[in-house]
Amino acid sequence: NILLVRDNAIVEDMPAALAKYTPPLPSYLAMITGPSRTADIERVLTLGVHGPERLLVILVGQGGDQA
């Protein structure tokens, strides 16, 4: 998967991210904070079962022409 992100959209923590939204919050909001975790298989913690195996993040400068 490839993710394009404006460099000025990156914030320090979750409260700062939520502060960017003015009420009401969108009806659907996904906060992905890291690889998935599951203990469904024989109660053994397994990381990264769901989602992409690799993620390419490209930061785009405010000018829009930098990557």
PDB file of N, CA and C in Angstrom:
ATOM      1  N   ASN A   1       0.841  -1.182   0.000  1.00  0.00           N
ATOM      2  CA  ASN A   1       0.000   0.000   0.000  1.00  0.00           C
ATOM      3  C   ASN A   1       0.879   1.235   0.000  1.00  0.00           C
ATOM      4  N   ILE A   2       0.390   2.280  -0.608  1.00  0.00           N
ATOM      5  CA  ILE A   2       1.116   3.546  -0.681  1.00  0.00           C
ATOM      6  C   ILE A   2       0.257   4.629  -0.043  1.00  0.00           C
ATOM      7  N   LEU A   3       0.872   5.415   0.814  1.00  0.00           N
ATOM      8  CA  LEU A   3       0.167   6.473   1.526  1.00  0.00           C
ATOM      9  C   LEU A   3       0.848   7.799   1.233  1.00  0.00           C
ATOM     10  N   LEU A   4       0.097   8.767   0.717  1.00  0.00           N
ATOM     11  CA  LEU A   4       0.606  10.121   0.501  1.00  0.00           C
ATOM     12  C   LEU A   4       0.113  10.990   1.648  1.00  0.00           C
ATOM     13  N   VAL A   5       1.037  11.672   2.327  1.00  0.00           N
ATOM     14  CA  VAL A   5       0.684  12.473   3.500  1.00  0.00           C
ATOM     15  C   VAL A   5       1.303  13.855   3.362  1.00  0.00           C
ATOM     16  N   ARG A   6       0.523  14.882   3.590  1.00  0.00           N
ATOM     17  CA  ARG A   6       1.078  16.239   3.633  1.00  0.00           C
ATOM     18  C   ARG A   6       1.931  16.356   4.890  1.00  0.00           C
ATOM     19  N   ASP A   7       3.114  16.915   4.750  1.00  0.00           N
ATOM     20  CA  ASP A   7       4.012  16.980   5.900  1.00  0.00           C
ATOM     21  C   ASP A   7       3.444  17.810   7.047  1.00  0.00           C
ATOM     22  N   ASN A   8       2.587  18.781   6.755  1.00  0.00           N
ATOM     23  CA  ASN A   8       2.005  19.592   7.826  1.00  0.00           C
ATOM     24  C   ASN A   8       0.813  18.908   8.499  1.00  0.00           C
ATOM     25  N   ALA A   9       0.468  17.696   8.067  1.00  0.00           N
ATOM     26  CA  ALA A   9      -0.632  16.953   8.685  1.00  0.00           C
ATOM     27  C   ALA A   9      -0.144  16.041   9.805  1.00  0.00           C
ATOM     28  N   ILE A  10       1.159  15.907   9.947  1.00  0.00           N
ATOM     29  CA  ILE A  10       1.710  15.026  10.978  1.00  0.00           C
ATOM     30  C   ILE A  10       1.711  15.764  12.308  1.00  0.00           C
ATOM     31  N   VAL A  11       1.178  15.121  13.323  1.00  0.00           N
ATOM     32  CA  VAL A  11       1.100  15.716  14.658  1.00  0.00           C
ATOM     33  C   VAL A  11       1.808  14.818  15.664  1.00  0.00           C
ATOM     34  N   GLU A  12       2.010  15.348  16.863  1.00  0.00           N
ATOM     35  CA  GLU A  12       2.808  14.659  17.878  1.00  0.00           C
ATOM     36  C   GLU A  12       2.086  13.487  18.534  1.00  0.00           C
ATOM     37  N   ASP A  13       0.781  13.631  18.777  1.00  0.00           N
ATOM     38  CA  ASP A  13       0.080  12.587  19.520  1.00  0.00           C
ATOM     39  C   ASP A  13      -1.411  12.584  19.175  1.00  0.00           C
ATOM     40  N   MET A  14      -2.144  11.641  19.766  1.00  0.00           N
ATOM     41  CA  MET A  14      -3.572  11.484  19.476  1.00  0.00           C
ATOM     42  C   MET A  14      -4.392  12.723  19.860  1.00  0.00           C
ATOM     43  N   PRO A  15      -4.182  13.336  21.039  1.00  0.00           N
ATOM     44  CA  PRO A  15      -4.951  14.548  21.345  1.00  0.00           C
ATOM     45  C   PRO A  15      -4.738  15.660  20.313  1.00  0.00           C
ATOM     46  N   ALA A  16      -3.516  15.806  19.817  1.00  0.00           N
ATOM     47  CA  ALA A  16      -3.253  16.826  18.794  1.00  0.00           C
ATOM     48  C   ALA A  16      -3.973  16.485  17.496  1.00  0.00           C
ATOM     49  N   ALA A  17      -4.053  15.205  17.163  1.00  0.00           N
ATOM     50  CA  ALA A  17      -4.765  14.785  15.952  1.00  0.00           C
ATOM     51  C   ALA A  17      -6.255  15.083  16.079  1.00  0.00           C
ATOM     52  N   LEU A  18      -6.841  14.753  17.216  1.00  0.00           N
ATOM     53  CA  LEU A  18      -8.272  14.996  17.415  1.00  0.00           C
ATOM     54  C   LEU A  18      -8.579  16.486  17.482  1.00  0.00           C
ATOM     55  N   ALA A  19      -7.627  17.292  17.951  1.00  0.00           N
ATOM     56  CA  ALA A  19      -7.839  18.737  18.043  1.00  0.00           C
ATOM     57  C   ALA A  19      -7.949  19.377  16.665  1.00  0.00           C
ATOM     58  N   LYS A  20      -7.455  18.713  15.617  1.00  0.00           N
ATOM     59  CA  LYS A  20      -7.555  19.251  14.254  1.00  0.00           C
ATOM     60  C   LYS A  20      -8.989  19.204  13.726  1.00  0.00           C
ATOM     61  N   TYR A  21      -9.833  18.362  14.326  1.00  0.00           N
ATOM     62  CA  TYR A  21     -11.224  18.246  13.891  1.00  0.00           C
ATOM     63  C   TYR A  21     -12.094  19.181  14.710  1.00  0.00           C
ATOM     64  N   THR A  22     -12.991  19.892  14.046  1.00  0.00           N
ATOM     65  CA  THR A  22     -13.964  20.688  14.772  1.00  0.00           C
ATOM     66  C   THR A  22     -15.222  19.846  14.918  1.00  0.00           C
ATOM     67  N   PRO A  23     -15.889  19.920  16.064  1.00  0.00           N
ATOM     68  CA  PRO A  23     -17.088  19.099  16.266  1.00  0.00           C
ATOM     69  C   PRO A  23     -18.129  19.395  15.207  1.00  0.00           C
ATOM     70  N   PRO A  24     -18.924  18.447  14.811  1.00  0.00           N
ATOM     71  CA  PRO A  24     -18.825  17.043  15.220  1.00  0.00           C
ATOM     72  C   PRO A  24     -17.748  16.307  14.417  1.00  0.00           C
ATOM     73  N   LEU A  25     -17.240  15.237  15.002  1.00  0.00           N
ATOM     74  CA  LEU A  25     -16.272  14.400  14.300  1.00  0.00           C
ATOM     75  C   LEU A  25     -16.941  13.738  13.100  1.00  0.00           C
ATOM     76  N   PRO A  26     -16.183  13.345  12.097  1.00  0.00           N
ATOM     77  CA  PRO A  26     -16.776  12.632  10.953  1.00  0.00           C
ATOM     78  C   PRO A  26     -17.499  11.368  11.414  1.00  0.00           C
ATOM     79  N   SER A  27     -18.470  10.923  10.641  1.00  0.00           N
ATOM     80  CA  SER A  27     -19.223   9.725  11.020  1.00  0.00           C
ATOM     81  C   SER A  27     -18.354   8.477  10.968  1.00  0.00           C
ATOM     82  N   TYR A  28     -17.266   8.518  10.199  1.00  0.00           N
ATOM     83  CA  TYR A  28     -16.338   7.386  10.166  1.00  0.00           C
ATOM     84  C   TYR A  28     -14.925   7.941  10.261  1.00  0.00           C
ATOM     85  N   LEU A  29     -14.179   7.459  11.233  1.00  0.00           N
ATOM     86  CA  LEU A  29     -12.815   7.915  11.440  1.00  0.00           C
ATOM     87  C   LEU A  29     -11.971   6.717  11.832  1.00  0.00           C
ATOM     88  N   ALA A  30     -10.910   6.437  11.105  1.00  0.00           N
ATOM     89  CA  ALA A  30     -10.036   5.301  11.411  1.00  0.00           C
ATOM     90  C   ALA A  30      -8.690   5.821  11.887  1.00  0.00           C
ATOM     91  N   MET A  31      -8.293   5.401  13.065  1.00  0.00           N
ATOM     92  CA  MET A  31      -6.977   5.742  13.604  1.00  0.00           C
ATOM     93  C   MET A  31      -6.150   4.467  13.617  1.00  0.00           C
ATOM     94  N   ILE A  32      -5.189   4.375  12.740  1.00  0.00           N
ATOM     95  CA  ILE A  32      -4.338   3.191  12.662  1.00  0.00           C
ATOM     96  C   ILE A  32      -3.031   3.539  13.355  1.00  0.00           C
ATOM     97  N   THR A  33      -2.760   2.863  14.457  1.00  0.00           N
ATOM     98  CA  THR A  33      -1.620   3.231  15.289  1.00  0.00           C
ATOM     99  C   THR A  33      -0.465   2.255  15.205  1.00  0.00           C
ATOM    100  N   GLY A  34      -0.629   1.170  14.478  1.00  0.00           N
ATOM    101  CA  GLY A  34       0.451   0.198  14.361  1.00  0.00           C
ATOM    102  C   GLY A  34      -0.072  -1.115  13.829  1.00  0.00           C
ATOM    103  N   PRO A  35       0.761  -2.146  13.845  1.00  0.00           N
ATOM    104  CA  PRO A  35       0.334  -3.443  13.316  1.00  0.00           C
ATOM    105  C   PRO A  35      -0.796  -4.040  14.151  1.00  0.00           C
ATOM    106  N   SER A  36      -1.612  -4.861  13.497  1.00  0.00           N
ATOM    107  CA  SER A  36      -2.718  -5.506  14.202  1.00  0.00           C
ATOM    108  C   SER A  36      -2.183  -6.507  15.218  1.00  0.00           C
ATOM    109  N   ARG A  37      -3.002  -6.787  16.208  1.00  0.00           N
ATOM    110  CA  ARG A  37      -2.667  -7.782  17.231  1.00  0.00           C
ATOM    111  C   ARG A  37      -3.867  -8.702  17.400  1.00  0.00           C
ATOM    112  N   THR A  38      -3.606  -9.973  17.545  1.00  0.00           N
ATOM    113  CA  THR A  38      -4.679 -10.921  17.806  1.00  0.00           C
ATOM    114  C   THR A  38      -4.144 -12.059  18.662  1.00  0.00           C
ATOM    115  N   ALA A  39      -5.013 -12.594  19.482  1.00  0.00           N
ATOM    116  CA  ALA A  39      -4.681 -13.780  20.272  1.00  0.00           C
ATOM    117  C   ALA A  39      -5.726 -14.854  19.998  1.00  0.00           C
ATOM    118  N   ASP A  40      -6.376 -14.780  18.833  1.00  0.00           N
ATOM    119  CA  ASP A  40      -7.430 -15.728  18.472  1.00  0.00           C
ATOM    120  C   ASP A  40      -6.903 -17.142  18.265  1.00  0.00           C
ATOM    121  N   ILE A  41      -5.660 -17.263  17.838  1.00  0.00           N
ATOM    122  CA  ILE A  41      -5.110 -18.579  17.519  1.00  0.00           C
ATOM    123  C   ILE A  41      -4.452 -19.153  18.767  1.00  0.00           C
ATOM    124  N   GLU A  42      -5.148 -20.056  19.423  1.00  0.00           N
ATOM    125  CA  GLU A  42      -4.654 -20.739  20.620  1.00  0.00           C
ATOM    126  C   GLU A  42      -4.169 -19.770  21.692  1.00  0.00           C
ATOM    127  N   ARG A  43      -4.756 -18.592  21.751  1.00  0.00           N
ATOM    128  CA  ARG A  43      -4.433 -17.568  22.744  1.00  0.00           C
ATOM    129  C   ARG A  43      -2.957 -17.183  22.755  1.00  0.00           C
ATOM    130  N   VAL A  44      -2.347 -17.222  21.592  1.00  0.00           N
ATOM    131  CA  VAL A  44      -0.961 -16.792  21.432  1.00  0.00           C
ATOM    132  C   VAL A  44      -0.978 -15.454  20.703  1.00  0.00           C
ATOM    133  N   LEU A  45      -0.340 -14.445  21.301  1.00  0.00           N
ATOM    134  CA  LEU A  45      -0.320 -13.125  20.684  1.00  0.00           C
ATOM    135  C   LEU A  45       0.438 -13.169  19.363  1.00  0.00           C
ATOM    136  N   THR A  46      -0.232 -12.708  18.305  1.00  0.00           N
ATOM    137  CA  THR A  46       0.360 -12.666  16.973  1.00  0.00           C
ATOM    138  C   THR A  46       0.232 -11.241  16.451  1.00  0.00           C
ATOM    139  N   LEU A  47       1.318 -10.696  15.934  1.00  0.00           N
ATOM    140  CA  LEU A  47       1.319  -9.326  15.419  1.00  0.00           C
ATOM    141  C   LEU A  47       1.248  -9.323  13.899  1.00  0.00           C
ATOM    142  N   GLY A  48       0.547  -8.339  13.347  1.00  0.00           N
ATOM    143  CA  GLY A  48       0.547  -8.110  11.906  1.00  0.00           C
ATOM    144  C   GLY A  48      -0.226  -9.101  11.064  1.00  0.00           C
ATOM    145  N   VAL A  49      -1.248  -9.724  11.626  1.00  0.00           N
ATOM    146  CA  VAL A  49      -2.028 -10.709  10.870  1.00  0.00           C
ATOM    147  C   VAL A  49      -2.915 -10.017   9.834  1.00  0.00           C
ATOM    148  N   HIS A  50      -3.520  -8.897  10.204  1.00  0.00           N
ATOM    149  CA  HIS A  50      -4.446  -8.184   9.322  1.00  0.00           C
ATOM    150  C   HIS A  50      -3.752  -6.963   8.733  1.00  0.00           C
ATOM    151  N   GLY A  51      -4.152  -6.584   7.552  1.00  0.00           N
ATOM    152  CA  GLY A  51      -3.609  -5.386   6.931  1.00  0.00           C
ATOM    153  C   GLY A  51      -2.450  -5.684   6.000  1.00  0.00           C
ATOM    154  N   PRO A  52      -1.875  -4.626   5.443  1.00  0.00           N
ATOM    155  CA  PRO A  52      -0.810  -4.810   4.456  1.00  0.00           C
ATOM    156  C   PRO A  52       0.475  -5.330   5.089  1.00  0.00           C
ATOM    157  N   GLU A  53       1.235  -6.059   4.291  1.00  0.00           N
ATOM    158  CA  GLU A  53       2.538  -6.540   4.764  1.00  0.00           C
ATOM    159  C   GLU A  53       3.547  -5.398   4.765  1.00  0.00           C
ATOM    160  N   ARG A  54       3.412  -4.511   3.783  1.00  0.00           N
ATOM    161  CA  ARG A  54       4.307  -3.362   3.676  1.00  0.00           C
ATOM    162  C   ARG A  54       3.483  -2.104   3.461  1.00  0.00           C
ATOM    163  N   LEU A  55       4.014  -0.982   3.945  1.00  0.00           N
ATOM    164  CA  LEU A  55       3.357   0.308   3.766  1.00  0.00           C
ATOM    165  C   LEU A  55       4.426   1.325   3.385  1.00  0.00           C
ATOM    166  N   LEU A  56       4.254   1.968   2.250  1.00  0.00           N
ATOM    167  CA  LEU A  56       5.168   3.005   1.794  1.00  0.00           C
ATOM    168  C   LEU A  56       4.509   4.349   2.066  1.00  0.00           C
ATOM    169  N   VAL A  57       5.166   5.182   2.876  1.00  0.00           N
ATOM    170  CA  VAL A  57       4.640   6.499   3.220  1.00  0.00           C
ATOM    171  C   VAL A  57       5.478   7.545   2.501  1.00  0.00           C
ATOM    172  N   ILE A  58       4.814   8.390   1.723  1.00  0.00           N
ATOM    173  CA  ILE A  58       5.481   9.470   1.002  1.00  0.00           C
ATOM    174  C   ILE A  58       4.986  10.787   1.584  1.00  0.00           C
ATOM    175  N   LEU A  59       5.926  11.594   2.107  1.00  0.00           N
ATOM    176  CA  LEU A  59       5.579  12.901   2.645  1.00  0.00           C
ATOM    177  C   LEU A  59       5.630  13.922   1.526  1.00  0.00           C
ATOM    178  N   VAL A  60       4.567  14.710   1.420  1.00  0.00           N
ATOM    179  CA  VAL A  60       4.459  15.722   0.376  1.00  0.00           C
ATOM    180  C   VAL A  60       4.587  17.081   1.046  1.00  0.00           C
ATOM    181  N   GLY A  61       5.524  17.908   0.555  1.00  0.00           N
ATOM    182  CA  GLY A  61       5.728  19.239   1.114  1.00  0.00           C
ATOM    183  C   GLY A  61       4.548  20.146   0.844  1.00  0.00           C
ATOM    184  N   GLN A  62       4.496  21.261   1.544  1.00  0.00           N
ATOM    185  CA  GLN A  62       3.376  22.192   1.408  1.00  0.00           C
ATOM    186  C   GLN A  62       3.245  22.739  -0.006  1.00  0.00           C
ATOM    187  N   GLY A  63       4.350  22.783  -0.748  1.00  0.00           N
ATOM    188  CA  GLY A  63       4.275  23.267  -2.121  1.00  0.00           C
ATOM    189  C   GLY A  63       3.564  22.299  -3.042  1.00  0.00           C
ATOM    190  N   GLY A  64       3.444  21.034  -2.624  1.00  0.00           N
ATOM    191  CA  GLY A  64       2.735  20.040  -3.400  1.00  0.00           C
ATOM    192  C   GLY A  64       3.557  19.373  -4.472  1.00  0.00           C
ATOM    193  N   ASP A  65       4.787  19.860  -4.716  1.00  0.00           N
ATOM    194  CA  ASP A  65       5.586  19.261  -5.775  1.00  0.00           C
ATOM    195  C   ASP A  65       6.810  18.517  -5.243  1.00  0.00           C
ATOM    196  N   GLN A  66       6.901  18.361  -3.941  1.00  0.00           N
ATOM    197  CA  GLN A  66       8.020  17.635  -3.349  1.00  0.00           C
ATOM    198  C   GLN A  66       7.526  16.323  -2.782  1.00  0.00           C
ATOM    199  N   ALA A  67       8.351  15.304  -2.823  1.00  0.00           N
ATOM    200  CA  ALA A  67       7.993  14.009  -2.234  1.00  0.00           C
ATOM    201  C   ALA A  67       9.176  13.458  -1.481  1.00  0.00           C
TER     202      ALA A  67
END
